[in-house]
Each structure stands twice: as structure tokens, then as C-alpha cells.
Amino acid sequence: MASRLEQALARFRRTRQAAPEAAKAPRGSDAFRVRVEERLRNLEQQVGEIKGRVNGLIFLVAGTALTQVIIKVLQ
């Protein structure tokens, strides 16, 4: 019969051998995190595009208003 010390050492060796294998396996949370980061980058890009369009509309409206004021002054 194996001594308690030998049993404890065997358990320790098994857990140390299983730990690197578990670390190599991709976890579900890692895949989820990658997916979320990808969607966040896509969302940031879309928000940047919308900001550009809104700025363009603001300048269009301001230019139109300025043009109307100039036309009224010159008449």
C-alpha cells in the first residue's frame, strides 16, 4: 500500500500535468471576448461615420442659412 506522502505526490503531479493542458484549451469566455471586441470596433467605426455625416449636414445647413442672409442683405 502506498504511503500518504506518495499519494499526495501523485495527486500533485496529476494536477500539474493537467494545468498546462487546460491553459492551452480555448475557453468560451475568450471567444466571447474576441467577438465583443470585434463588434465594438465595428460599432466605433459606424459611429465615426455617422459623426462625419452629421457634421456635413450641420455645415450644409449653416452654409444655406448664411447664403440666405447674404441674398437678403444684397436685395
N, C-alpha and C. Protein backbone atom coordinates (compact mmCIF):
# COMPACT_ATOMS: atom_id res chain seq x y z
N MET A 1 0.84 -1.17 0.00
CA MET A 1 0.00 0.00 0.00
C MET A 1 0.89 1.24 0.00
N ALA A 2 0.51 2.22 -0.84
CA ALA A 2 1.31 3.44 -0.97
C ALA A 2 1.11 4.32 0.26
N SER A 3 2.16 4.98 0.62
CA SER A 3 2.08 5.85 1.79
C SER A 3 1.28 7.11 1.44
N ARG A 4 0.89 7.82 2.45
CA ARG A 4 0.12 9.04 2.23
C ARG A 4 0.95 10.08 1.47
N LEU A 5 2.25 10.10 1.72
CA LEU A 5 3.11 11.04 1.03
C LEU A 5 3.16 10.73 -0.46
N GLU A 6 3.27 9.45 -0.80
CA GLU A 6 3.30 9.06 -2.21
C GLU A 6 1.98 9.39 -2.90
N GLN A 7 0.87 9.20 -2.21
CA GLN A 7 -0.43 9.53 -2.77
C GLN A 7 -0.56 11.03 -3.01
N ALA A 8 -0.09 11.82 -2.06
CA ALA A 8 -0.16 13.27 -2.20
C ALA A 8 0.71 13.73 -3.36
N LEU A 9 1.90 13.13 -3.50
CA LEU A 9 2.78 13.49 -4.62
C LEU A 9 2.16 13.10 -5.96
N ALA A 10 1.50 11.97 -6.02
CA ALA A 10 0.85 11.55 -7.26
C ALA A 10 -0.27 12.52 -7.62
N ARG A 11 -1.06 12.95 -6.63
CA ARG A 11 -2.13 13.93 -6.89
C ARG A 11 -1.53 15.25 -7.38
N PHE A 12 -0.45 15.67 -6.76
CA PHE A 12 0.21 16.92 -7.14
C PHE A 12 0.72 16.84 -8.57
N ARG A 13 1.31 15.73 -8.94
CA ARG A 13 1.82 15.56 -10.31
C ARG A 13 0.69 15.57 -11.33
N ARG A 14 -0.42 14.92 -10.99
CA ARG A 14 -1.56 14.88 -11.92
C ARG A 14 -2.11 16.28 -12.14
N THR A 15 -2.25 17.06 -11.08
CA THR A 15 -2.79 18.41 -11.24
C THR A 15 -1.83 19.30 -12.00
N ARG A 16 -0.53 19.11 -11.81
CA ARG A 16 0.45 19.94 -12.53
C ARG A 16 0.48 19.57 -14.00
N GLN A 17 0.25 18.30 -14.33
CA GLN A 17 0.22 17.89 -15.74
C GLN A 17 -1.07 18.34 -16.40
N ALA A 18 -2.16 18.38 -15.67
CA ALA A 18 -3.45 18.77 -16.23
C ALA A 18 -3.54 20.28 -16.41
N ALA A 19 -2.83 21.06 -15.61
CA ALA A 19 -2.91 22.52 -15.67
C ALA A 19 -2.44 23.08 -17.01
N PRO A 20 -1.29 22.69 -17.57
CA PRO A 20 -0.91 23.24 -18.88
C PRO A 20 -1.87 22.87 -20.00
N GLU A 21 -2.45 21.69 -19.94
CA GLU A 21 -3.40 21.27 -20.97
C GLU A 21 -4.66 22.13 -20.89
N ALA A 22 -5.09 22.45 -19.68
CA ALA A 22 -6.28 23.28 -19.51
C ALA A 22 -6.00 24.71 -19.96
N ALA A 23 -4.77 25.17 -19.77
CA ALA A 23 -4.42 26.52 -20.17
C ALA A 23 -4.37 26.65 -21.69
N LYS A 24 -4.03 25.60 -22.39
CA LYS A 24 -3.93 25.64 -23.85
C LYS A 24 -5.29 25.61 -24.52
N ALA A 25 -6.26 24.99 -23.88
CA ALA A 25 -7.58 24.86 -24.48
C ALA A 25 -8.28 26.22 -24.50
N PRO A 26 -8.85 26.62 -25.64
CA PRO A 26 -9.55 27.91 -25.68
C PRO A 26 -10.82 27.83 -24.84
N ARG A 27 -11.03 28.88 -24.09
CA ARG A 27 -12.21 28.92 -23.24
C ARG A 27 -13.32 29.67 -23.95
N GLY A 28 -14.54 29.41 -23.54
CA GLY A 28 -15.68 30.07 -24.14
C GLY A 28 -15.68 31.57 -23.90
N SER A 29 -15.17 31.97 -22.74
CA SER A 29 -15.16 33.40 -22.42
C SER A 29 -14.17 34.15 -23.32
N ASP A 30 -13.07 33.48 -23.71
CA ASP A 30 -12.11 34.13 -24.61
C ASP A 30 -12.72 34.37 -25.98
N ALA A 31 -13.43 33.39 -26.50
CA ALA A 31 -14.09 33.54 -27.80
C ALA A 31 -15.15 34.64 -27.73
N PHE A 32 -15.86 34.68 -26.62
CA PHE A 32 -16.87 35.72 -26.44
C PHE A 32 -16.22 37.10 -26.40
N ARG A 33 -15.11 37.21 -25.68
CA ARG A 33 -14.41 38.49 -25.57
C ARG A 33 -13.91 38.97 -26.93
N VAL A 34 -13.37 38.06 -27.73
CA VAL A 34 -12.89 38.42 -29.07
C VAL A 34 -14.05 38.91 -29.92
N ARG A 35 -15.17 38.22 -29.84
CA ARG A 35 -16.35 38.60 -30.62
C ARG A 35 -16.87 39.98 -30.20
N VAL A 36 -16.90 40.22 -28.89
CA VAL A 36 -17.38 41.51 -28.39
C VAL A 36 -16.44 42.63 -28.83
N GLU A 37 -15.12 42.40 -28.75
CA GLU A 37 -14.17 43.43 -29.18
C GLU A 37 -14.32 43.72 -30.67
N GLU A 38 -14.55 42.69 -31.47
CA GLU A 38 -14.76 42.88 -32.91
C GLU A 38 -16.01 43.72 -33.18
N ARG A 39 -17.08 43.40 -32.48
CA ARG A 39 -18.32 44.15 -32.66
C ARG A 39 -18.17 45.59 -32.17
N LEU A 40 -17.40 45.78 -31.10
CA LEU A 40 -17.17 47.13 -30.58
C LEU A 40 -16.38 47.98 -31.57
N ARG A 41 -15.34 47.40 -32.17
CA ARG A 41 -14.58 48.13 -33.19
C ARG A 41 -15.47 48.50 -34.37
N ASN A 42 -16.33 47.58 -34.79
CA ASN A 42 -17.25 47.85 -35.89
C ASN A 42 -18.22 48.98 -35.52
N LEU A 43 -18.72 48.94 -34.29
CA LEU A 43 -19.63 49.97 -33.82
C LEU A 43 -18.94 51.33 -33.75
N GLU A 44 -17.69 51.36 -33.27
CA GLU A 44 -16.94 52.62 -33.22
C GLU A 44 -16.75 53.19 -34.62
N GLN A 45 -16.49 52.33 -35.58
CA GLN A 45 -16.31 52.79 -36.96
C GLN A 45 -17.62 53.38 -37.49
N GLN A 46 -18.72 52.74 -37.21
CA GLN A 46 -20.01 53.24 -37.66
C GLN A 46 -20.36 54.56 -36.99
N VAL A 47 -20.05 54.70 -35.71
CA VAL A 47 -20.32 55.95 -35.01
C VAL A 47 -19.48 57.08 -35.61
N GLY A 48 -18.22 56.78 -35.94
CA GLY A 48 -17.37 57.78 -36.59
C GLY A 48 -17.94 58.22 -37.92
N GLU A 49 -18.48 57.27 -38.68
CA GLU A 49 -19.09 57.60 -39.97
C GLU A 49 -20.33 58.49 -39.78
N ILE A 50 -21.13 58.17 -38.79
CA ILE A 50 -22.34 58.97 -38.52
C ILE A 50 -21.95 60.37 -38.07
N LYS A 51 -20.90 60.48 -37.25
CA LYS A 51 -20.44 61.80 -36.82
C LYS A 51 -20.04 62.65 -38.02
N GLY A 52 -19.34 62.04 -38.97
CA GLY A 52 -18.95 62.76 -40.18
C GLY A 52 -20.15 63.24 -40.97
N ARG A 53 -21.15 62.39 -41.08
CA ARG A 53 -22.35 62.78 -41.83
C ARG A 53 -23.11 63.90 -41.12
N VAL A 54 -23.22 63.83 -39.80
CA VAL A 54 -23.91 64.88 -39.04
C VAL A 54 -23.15 66.19 -39.18
N ASN A 55 -21.83 66.16 -39.08
CA ASN A 55 -21.05 67.38 -39.26
C ASN A 55 -21.25 67.97 -40.65
N GLY A 56 -21.30 67.11 -41.64
CA GLY A 56 -21.56 67.58 -43.00
C GLY A 56 -22.92 68.25 -43.12
N LEU A 57 -23.94 67.66 -42.51
CA LEU A 57 -25.28 68.26 -42.54
C LEU A 57 -25.31 69.60 -41.81
N ILE A 58 -24.61 69.69 -40.69
CA ILE A 58 -24.57 70.96 -39.95
C ILE A 58 -23.96 72.05 -40.81
N PHE A 59 -22.84 71.76 -41.46
CA PHE A 59 -22.21 72.76 -42.32
C PHE A 59 -23.08 73.10 -43.53
N LEU A 60 -23.81 72.12 -44.05
CA LEU A 60 -24.72 72.39 -45.17
C LEU A 60 -25.82 73.36 -44.74
N VAL A 61 -26.42 73.10 -43.59
CA VAL A 61 -27.49 73.97 -43.10
C VAL A 61 -26.94 75.35 -42.78
N ALA A 62 -25.77 75.41 -42.13
CA ALA A 62 -25.18 76.71 -41.81
C ALA A 62 -24.83 77.48 -43.08
N GLY A 63 -24.31 76.79 -44.07
CA GLY A 63 -23.99 77.44 -45.34
C GLY A 63 -25.23 77.94 -46.05
N THR A 64 -26.29 77.17 -46.01
CA THR A 64 -27.55 77.58 -46.63
C THR A 64 -28.12 78.80 -45.92
N ALA A 65 -28.08 78.79 -44.60
CA ALA A 65 -28.59 79.93 -43.84
C ALA A 65 -27.76 81.18 -44.12
N LEU A 66 -26.45 81.03 -44.16
CA LEU A 66 -25.57 82.16 -44.46
C LEU A 66 -25.83 82.70 -45.86
N THR A 67 -26.03 81.80 -46.81
CA THR A 67 -26.34 82.22 -48.17
C THR A 67 -27.66 82.98 -48.22
N GLN A 68 -28.66 82.52 -47.52
CA GLN A 68 -29.95 83.21 -47.49
C GLN A 68 -29.82 84.60 -46.86
N VAL A 69 -29.00 84.73 -45.81
CA VAL A 69 -28.79 86.02 -45.18
C VAL A 69 -28.10 86.97 -46.15
N ILE A 70 -27.09 86.49 -46.86
CA ILE A 70 -26.36 87.32 -47.83
C ILE A 70 -27.28 87.77 -48.95
N ILE A 71 -28.13 86.86 -49.44
CA ILE A 71 -29.07 87.21 -50.51
C ILE A 71 -30.03 88.29 -50.03
N LYS A 72 -30.54 88.16 -48.81
CA LYS A 72 -31.48 89.16 -48.28
C LYS A 72 -30.79 90.52 -48.11
N VAL A 73 -29.54 90.53 -47.69
CA VAL A 73 -28.82 91.79 -47.49
C VAL A 73 -28.56 92.47 -48.86
N LEU A 74 -28.24 91.72 -49.86
CA LEU A 74 -27.91 92.29 -51.17
C LEU A 74 -29.15 92.76 -51.94
N GLN A 75 -30.31 92.34 -51.58
CA GLN A 75 -31.52 92.76 -52.31
C GLN A 75 -31.97 94.09 -51.90
